[in-house]
């Protein structure tokens, strides 16, 4: 499984995941900041990464639109609002569990709540 963290999550989460042998990149690391949510989802899909975000409200709508438009992505993982974007260890631990549970990644239209 590969993760693409949007800009509201600390790039330190991606660093921690890579140290654990998990493929992860942050929008901040790739310079993809200030892109629209739709553009972030497209970037994640291009690199085959499951998009990870705290922006639940917007990405639920984008997931529904993707289904209606038949525009697959590599999955979306939604962090609950109770998880702050700077909670590096907690988010990295939760994503590590997801990577172990779904080693082949999520489906093209899947949405998962942490």
N, C-alpha and C. Protein backbone atom coordinates (compact mmCIF):
# COMPACT_ATOMS: atom_id res chain seq x y z
N UNK A 1 0.84 -1.18 0.00
CA UNK A 1 0.00 0.00 0.00
C UNK A 1 0.88 1.24 0.00
N UNK A 2 0.45 2.22 -0.74
CA UNK A 2 1.16 3.49 -0.80
C UNK A 2 0.23 4.59 -0.31
N UNK A 3 0.79 5.51 0.48
CA UNK A 3 0.01 6.61 1.03
C UNK A 3 0.48 7.94 0.45
N UNK A 4 -0.49 8.82 0.20
CA UNK A 4 -0.24 10.20 -0.22
C UNK A 4 -0.97 11.08 0.78
N UNK A 5 -0.22 11.78 1.63
CA UNK A 5 -0.81 12.61 2.67
C UNK A 5 -1.04 14.01 2.14
N UNK A 6 -2.26 14.53 2.30
CA UNK A 6 -2.48 15.88 1.82
C UNK A 6 -1.85 16.89 2.77
N UNK A 7 -1.91 18.15 2.40
CA UNK A 7 -1.12 19.17 3.08
C UNK A 7 -1.58 19.50 4.49
N UNK A 8 -2.73 19.00 4.92
CA UNK A 8 -3.15 19.28 6.30
C UNK A 8 -2.55 18.29 7.31
N UNK A 9 -1.75 17.35 6.81
CA UNK A 9 -1.06 16.40 7.68
C UNK A 9 0.45 16.66 7.63
N UNK A 10 1.09 16.50 8.75
CA UNK A 10 2.52 16.74 8.86
C UNK A 10 3.32 15.79 7.96
N UNK A 11 4.30 16.31 7.22
CA UNK A 11 5.16 15.43 6.42
C UNK A 11 5.97 14.46 7.29
N UNK A 12 6.05 14.74 8.58
CA UNK A 12 6.76 13.83 9.49
C UNK A 12 6.05 12.48 9.58
N UNK A 13 4.75 12.46 9.30
CA UNK A 13 4.01 11.20 9.29
C UNK A 13 4.53 10.32 8.16
N UNK A 14 4.70 10.91 6.97
CA UNK A 14 5.24 10.16 5.83
C UNK A 14 6.66 9.68 6.13
N UNK A 15 7.46 10.52 6.75
CA UNK A 15 8.83 10.12 7.11
C UNK A 15 8.81 8.92 8.04
N UNK A 16 7.95 8.97 9.05
CA UNK A 16 7.86 7.87 10.01
C UNK A 16 7.41 6.58 9.33
N UNK A 17 6.45 6.70 8.41
CA UNK A 17 5.98 5.51 7.69
C UNK A 17 7.10 4.91 6.84
N UNK A 18 7.86 5.76 6.17
CA UNK A 18 8.97 5.25 5.34
C UNK A 18 10.01 4.53 6.20
N UNK A 19 10.26 5.03 7.40
CA UNK A 19 11.19 4.35 8.30
C UNK A 19 10.69 2.96 8.69
N UNK A 20 9.39 2.77 8.59
CA UNK A 20 8.79 1.47 8.89
C UNK A 20 8.68 0.61 7.63
N UNK A 21 9.20 1.10 6.52
CA UNK A 21 9.17 0.33 5.28
C UNK A 21 7.88 0.49 4.48
N UNK A 22 7.10 1.51 4.80
CA UNK A 22 5.83 1.76 4.12
C UNK A 22 6.02 2.90 3.13
N UNK A 23 5.54 2.71 1.92
CA UNK A 23 5.65 3.72 0.87
C UNK A 23 4.70 4.87 1.20
N UNK A 24 5.25 6.05 1.42
CA UNK A 24 4.43 7.21 1.78
C UNK A 24 5.12 8.49 1.32
N UNK A 25 4.30 9.44 0.89
CA UNK A 25 4.79 10.74 0.49
C UNK A 25 3.77 11.78 0.92
N UNK A 26 4.26 12.97 1.19
CA UNK A 26 3.41 14.07 1.62
C UNK A 26 3.27 15.08 0.49
N UNK A 27 2.10 15.68 0.37
CA UNK A 27 1.90 16.75 -0.62
C UNK A 27 2.91 17.87 -0.38
N UNK A 28 3.24 18.11 0.86
CA UNK A 28 4.21 19.15 1.19
C UNK A 28 5.59 18.79 0.64
N UNK A 29 5.99 17.53 0.78
CA UNK A 29 7.29 17.08 0.29
C UNK A 29 7.39 17.20 -1.23
N UNK A 30 6.29 16.99 -1.92
CA UNK A 30 6.30 17.00 -3.38
C UNK A 30 6.03 18.39 -3.95
N UNK A 31 5.80 19.36 -3.08
CA UNK A 31 5.52 20.72 -3.53
C UNK A 31 4.09 20.92 -3.99
N UNK A 32 3.23 19.96 -3.68
CA UNK A 32 1.82 20.06 -4.10
C UNK A 32 0.98 20.74 -3.03
N UNK A 33 1.41 21.94 -2.67
CA UNK A 33 0.64 22.68 -1.66
C UNK A 33 -0.25 23.70 -2.36
N UNK A 34 -1.30 24.04 -1.71
CA UNK A 34 -2.29 25.00 -2.19
C UNK A 34 -3.00 24.53 -3.46
N UNK A 35 -3.01 23.23 -3.70
CA UNK A 35 -3.82 22.68 -4.78
C UNK A 35 -5.24 22.47 -4.25
N UNK A 36 -6.19 22.43 -5.14
CA UNK A 36 -7.56 22.14 -4.71
C UNK A 36 -7.64 20.69 -4.23
N UNK A 37 -8.68 20.39 -3.50
CA UNK A 37 -8.88 19.01 -3.04
C UNK A 37 -8.98 18.05 -4.22
N UNK A 38 -9.67 18.46 -5.26
CA UNK A 38 -9.80 17.62 -6.46
C UNK A 38 -8.43 17.36 -7.08
N UNK A 39 -7.57 18.40 -7.11
CA UNK A 39 -6.22 18.24 -7.66
C UNK A 39 -5.37 17.34 -6.78
N UNK A 40 -5.54 17.44 -5.47
CA UNK A 40 -4.80 16.56 -4.55
C UNK A 40 -5.19 15.10 -4.79
N UNK A 41 -6.48 14.85 -4.96
CA UNK A 41 -6.94 13.48 -5.21
C UNK A 41 -6.38 12.97 -6.53
N UNK A 42 -6.34 13.83 -7.54
CA UNK A 42 -5.78 13.44 -8.84
C UNK A 42 -4.29 13.15 -8.73
N UNK A 43 -3.56 13.95 -7.95
CA UNK A 43 -2.12 13.70 -7.76
C UNK A 43 -1.90 12.35 -7.07
N UNK A 44 -2.69 12.08 -6.05
CA UNK A 44 -2.58 10.80 -5.34
C UNK A 44 -2.85 9.65 -6.30
N UNK A 45 -3.88 9.78 -7.12
CA UNK A 45 -4.23 8.71 -8.07
C UNK A 45 -3.11 8.49 -9.08
N UNK A 46 -2.49 9.57 -9.53
CA UNK A 46 -1.40 9.44 -10.52
C UNK A 46 -0.22 8.65 -9.97
N UNK A 47 0.09 8.83 -8.69
CA UNK A 47 1.22 8.10 -8.10
C UNK A 47 0.78 6.78 -7.49
N UNK A 48 -0.52 6.48 -7.57
CA UNK A 48 -1.03 5.22 -7.03
C UNK A 48 -1.12 5.21 -5.53
N UNK A 49 -1.21 6.40 -4.94
CA UNK A 49 -1.26 6.49 -3.49
C UNK A 49 -2.66 6.72 -2.96
N UNK A 50 -2.96 6.05 -1.89
CA UNK A 50 -4.22 6.26 -1.19
C UNK A 50 -4.12 7.60 -0.49
N UNK A 51 -5.04 8.52 -0.80
CA UNK A 51 -4.98 9.85 -0.21
C UNK A 51 -5.41 9.79 1.25
N UNK A 52 -4.63 10.42 2.12
CA UNK A 52 -4.94 10.48 3.54
C UNK A 52 -5.19 11.94 3.89
N UNK A 53 -6.31 12.21 4.56
CA UNK A 53 -6.69 13.58 4.86
C UNK A 53 -7.49 13.67 6.15
N UNK A 54 -7.53 14.86 6.70
CA UNK A 54 -8.43 15.16 7.82
C UNK A 54 -9.66 15.92 7.31
N UNK A 55 -9.67 16.25 6.04
CA UNK A 55 -10.71 17.05 5.43
C UNK A 55 -11.89 16.15 5.02
N UNK A 56 -12.55 15.62 6.01
CA UNK A 56 -13.60 14.62 5.80
C UNK A 56 -14.73 15.17 4.93
N UNK A 57 -15.23 16.32 5.27
CA UNK A 57 -16.40 16.88 4.59
C UNK A 57 -16.19 17.02 3.08
N UNK A 58 -15.06 17.58 2.67
CA UNK A 58 -14.82 17.79 1.24
C UNK A 58 -14.53 16.50 0.49
N UNK A 59 -13.78 15.59 1.12
CA UNK A 59 -13.40 14.37 0.41
C UNK A 59 -14.53 13.34 0.33
N UNK A 60 -15.49 13.41 1.21
CA UNK A 60 -16.69 12.56 1.06
C UNK A 60 -17.41 12.97 -0.23
N UNK A 61 -17.55 14.26 -0.44
CA UNK A 61 -18.20 14.76 -1.65
C UNK A 61 -17.41 14.35 -2.88
N UNK A 62 -16.07 14.48 -2.83
CA UNK A 62 -15.24 14.10 -3.98
C UNK A 62 -15.32 12.60 -4.26
N UNK A 63 -15.41 11.81 -3.22
CA UNK A 63 -15.54 10.36 -3.41
C UNK A 63 -16.86 10.03 -4.11
N UNK A 64 -17.93 10.69 -3.70
CA UNK A 64 -19.23 10.47 -4.35
C UNK A 64 -19.19 10.92 -5.81
N UNK A 65 -18.56 12.06 -6.06
CA UNK A 65 -18.43 12.56 -7.44
C UNK A 65 -17.61 11.61 -8.29
N UNK A 66 -16.57 11.04 -7.72
CA UNK A 66 -15.72 10.11 -8.47
C UNK A 66 -16.53 8.90 -8.94
N UNK A 67 -17.40 8.42 -8.08
CA UNK A 67 -18.25 7.29 -8.45
C UNK A 67 -19.20 7.70 -9.58
N UNK A 68 -19.85 8.85 -9.43
CA UNK A 68 -20.80 9.30 -10.46
C UNK A 68 -20.11 9.52 -11.81
N UNK A 69 -18.88 10.03 -11.78
CA UNK A 69 -18.14 10.35 -13.01
C UNK A 69 -17.32 9.16 -13.53
N UNK A 70 -17.31 8.08 -12.80
CA UNK A 70 -16.49 6.91 -13.16
C UNK A 70 -15.01 7.31 -13.27
N UNK A 71 -14.54 8.09 -12.28
CA UNK A 71 -13.14 8.52 -12.22
C UNK A 71 -12.48 7.84 -11.02
N UNK A 72 -11.84 6.71 -11.25
CA UNK A 72 -11.24 5.98 -10.13
C UNK A 72 -10.08 6.74 -9.49
N UNK A 73 -9.85 6.43 -8.24
CA UNK A 73 -8.69 6.94 -7.50
C UNK A 73 -8.09 5.73 -6.79
N UNK A 74 -7.09 5.96 -5.96
CA UNK A 74 -6.43 4.84 -5.29
C UNK A 74 -6.91 4.66 -3.86
N UNK A 75 -8.08 5.20 -3.56
CA UNK A 75 -8.64 5.11 -2.22
C UNK A 75 -8.44 6.39 -1.44
N UNK A 76 -9.30 6.59 -0.46
CA UNK A 76 -9.24 7.76 0.41
C UNK A 76 -9.34 7.27 1.84
N UNK A 77 -8.44 7.74 2.68
CA UNK A 77 -8.49 7.44 4.11
C UNK A 77 -8.77 8.74 4.84
N UNK A 78 -9.83 8.73 5.63
CA UNK A 78 -10.26 9.92 6.36
C UNK A 78 -9.89 9.80 7.83
N UNK A 79 -9.11 10.75 8.30
CA UNK A 79 -8.76 10.81 9.72
C UNK A 79 -9.89 11.54 10.44
N UNK A 80 -10.31 11.07 11.58
CA UNK A 80 -11.37 11.76 12.31
C UNK A 80 -10.87 13.13 12.80
N UNK A 81 -11.79 14.07 12.95
CA UNK A 81 -11.41 15.40 13.44
C UNK A 81 -10.70 15.37 14.79
N UNK A 82 -10.94 14.31 15.56
CA UNK A 82 -10.28 14.21 16.86
C UNK A 82 -8.77 13.98 16.73
N UNK A 83 -8.34 13.52 15.56
CA UNK A 83 -6.89 13.35 15.30
C UNK A 83 -6.37 14.63 14.67
N UNK A 84 -5.51 15.29 15.37
CA UNK A 84 -4.92 16.52 14.86
C UNK A 84 -3.82 16.16 13.84
N UNK A 85 -3.62 17.01 12.85
CA UNK A 85 -2.65 16.76 11.79
C UNK A 85 -1.22 16.64 12.27
N UNK A 86 -0.92 17.15 13.46
CA UNK A 86 0.44 17.09 13.99
C UNK A 86 0.65 15.89 14.92
N UNK A 87 -0.35 15.05 15.09
CA UNK A 87 -0.24 13.87 15.94
C UNK A 87 0.47 12.76 15.16
N UNK A 88 1.74 12.95 14.97
CA UNK A 88 2.54 12.10 14.09
C UNK A 88 2.46 10.63 14.48
N UNK A 89 2.74 10.33 15.72
CA UNK A 89 2.78 8.92 16.15
C UNK A 89 1.42 8.25 16.01
N UNK A 90 0.37 8.89 16.48
CA UNK A 90 -0.97 8.28 16.44
C UNK A 90 -1.42 8.01 15.01
N UNK A 91 -1.20 8.97 14.13
CA UNK A 91 -1.64 8.79 12.74
C UNK A 91 -0.77 7.76 12.05
N UNK A 92 0.55 7.81 12.27
CA UNK A 92 1.45 6.83 11.66
C UNK A 92 1.12 5.42 12.14
N UNK A 93 0.82 5.27 13.42
CA UNK A 93 0.45 3.95 13.95
C UNK A 93 -0.83 3.44 13.30
N UNK A 94 -1.83 4.31 13.16
CA UNK A 94 -3.10 3.91 12.54
C UNK A 94 -2.89 3.54 11.07
N UNK A 95 -2.07 4.30 10.35
CA UNK A 95 -1.82 4.00 8.94
C UNK A 95 -1.00 2.72 8.79
N UNK A 96 -0.13 2.46 9.73
CA UNK A 96 0.63 1.21 9.70
C UNK A 96 -0.31 0.02 9.81
N UNK A 97 -1.31 0.13 10.69
CA UNK A 97 -2.30 -0.95 10.83
C UNK A 97 -3.09 -1.12 9.53
N UNK A 98 -3.44 -0.02 8.88
CA UNK A 98 -4.17 -0.09 7.61
C UNK A 98 -3.31 -0.76 6.55
N UNK A 99 -2.03 -0.40 6.48
CA UNK A 99 -1.12 -0.99 5.49
C UNK A 99 -1.01 -2.50 5.69
N UNK A 100 -1.00 -2.94 6.94
CA UNK A 100 -0.93 -4.38 7.21
C UNK A 100 -2.23 -5.08 6.85
N UNK A 101 -3.34 -4.39 7.06
CA UNK A 101 -4.65 -4.99 6.77
C UNK A 101 -4.94 -5.02 5.27
N UNK A 102 -4.43 -4.03 4.53
CA UNK A 102 -4.68 -3.93 3.09
C UNK A 102 -3.35 -3.81 2.33
N UNK A 103 -2.52 -4.83 2.34
CA UNK A 103 -1.19 -4.72 1.73
C UNK A 103 -1.24 -4.38 0.23
N UNK A 104 -2.30 -4.77 -0.44
CA UNK A 104 -2.44 -4.47 -1.87
C UNK A 104 -3.09 -3.13 -2.14
N UNK A 105 -3.39 -2.38 -1.09
CA UNK A 105 -4.04 -1.09 -1.24
C UNK A 105 -5.55 -1.20 -1.21
N UNK A 106 -6.19 -0.06 -1.23
CA UNK A 106 -7.65 -0.01 -1.25
C UNK A 106 -8.14 -0.11 -2.69
N UNK A 107 -9.43 -0.31 -2.85
CA UNK A 107 -10.03 -0.35 -4.17
C UNK A 107 -10.12 1.03 -4.79
N UNK A 108 -10.41 1.08 -6.05
CA UNK A 108 -10.40 2.32 -6.83
C UNK A 108 -11.41 3.37 -6.36
N UNK A 109 -12.41 2.97 -5.63
CA UNK A 109 -13.41 3.92 -5.16
C UNK A 109 -13.63 3.82 -3.65
N UNK A 110 -12.73 3.13 -2.95
CA UNK A 110 -12.91 2.88 -1.52
C UNK A 110 -12.62 4.13 -0.68
N UNK A 111 -13.37 4.25 0.39
CA UNK A 111 -13.15 5.28 1.40
C UNK A 111 -13.12 4.57 2.74
N UNK A 112 -12.11 4.87 3.54
CA UNK A 112 -11.91 4.21 4.82
C UNK A 112 -11.76 5.28 5.90
N UNK A 113 -12.42 5.07 7.03
CA UNK A 113 -12.28 5.95 8.18
C UNK A 113 -11.28 5.33 9.15
N UNK A 114 -10.34 6.14 9.62
CA UNK A 114 -9.40 5.63 10.64
C UNK A 114 -10.11 5.52 11.97
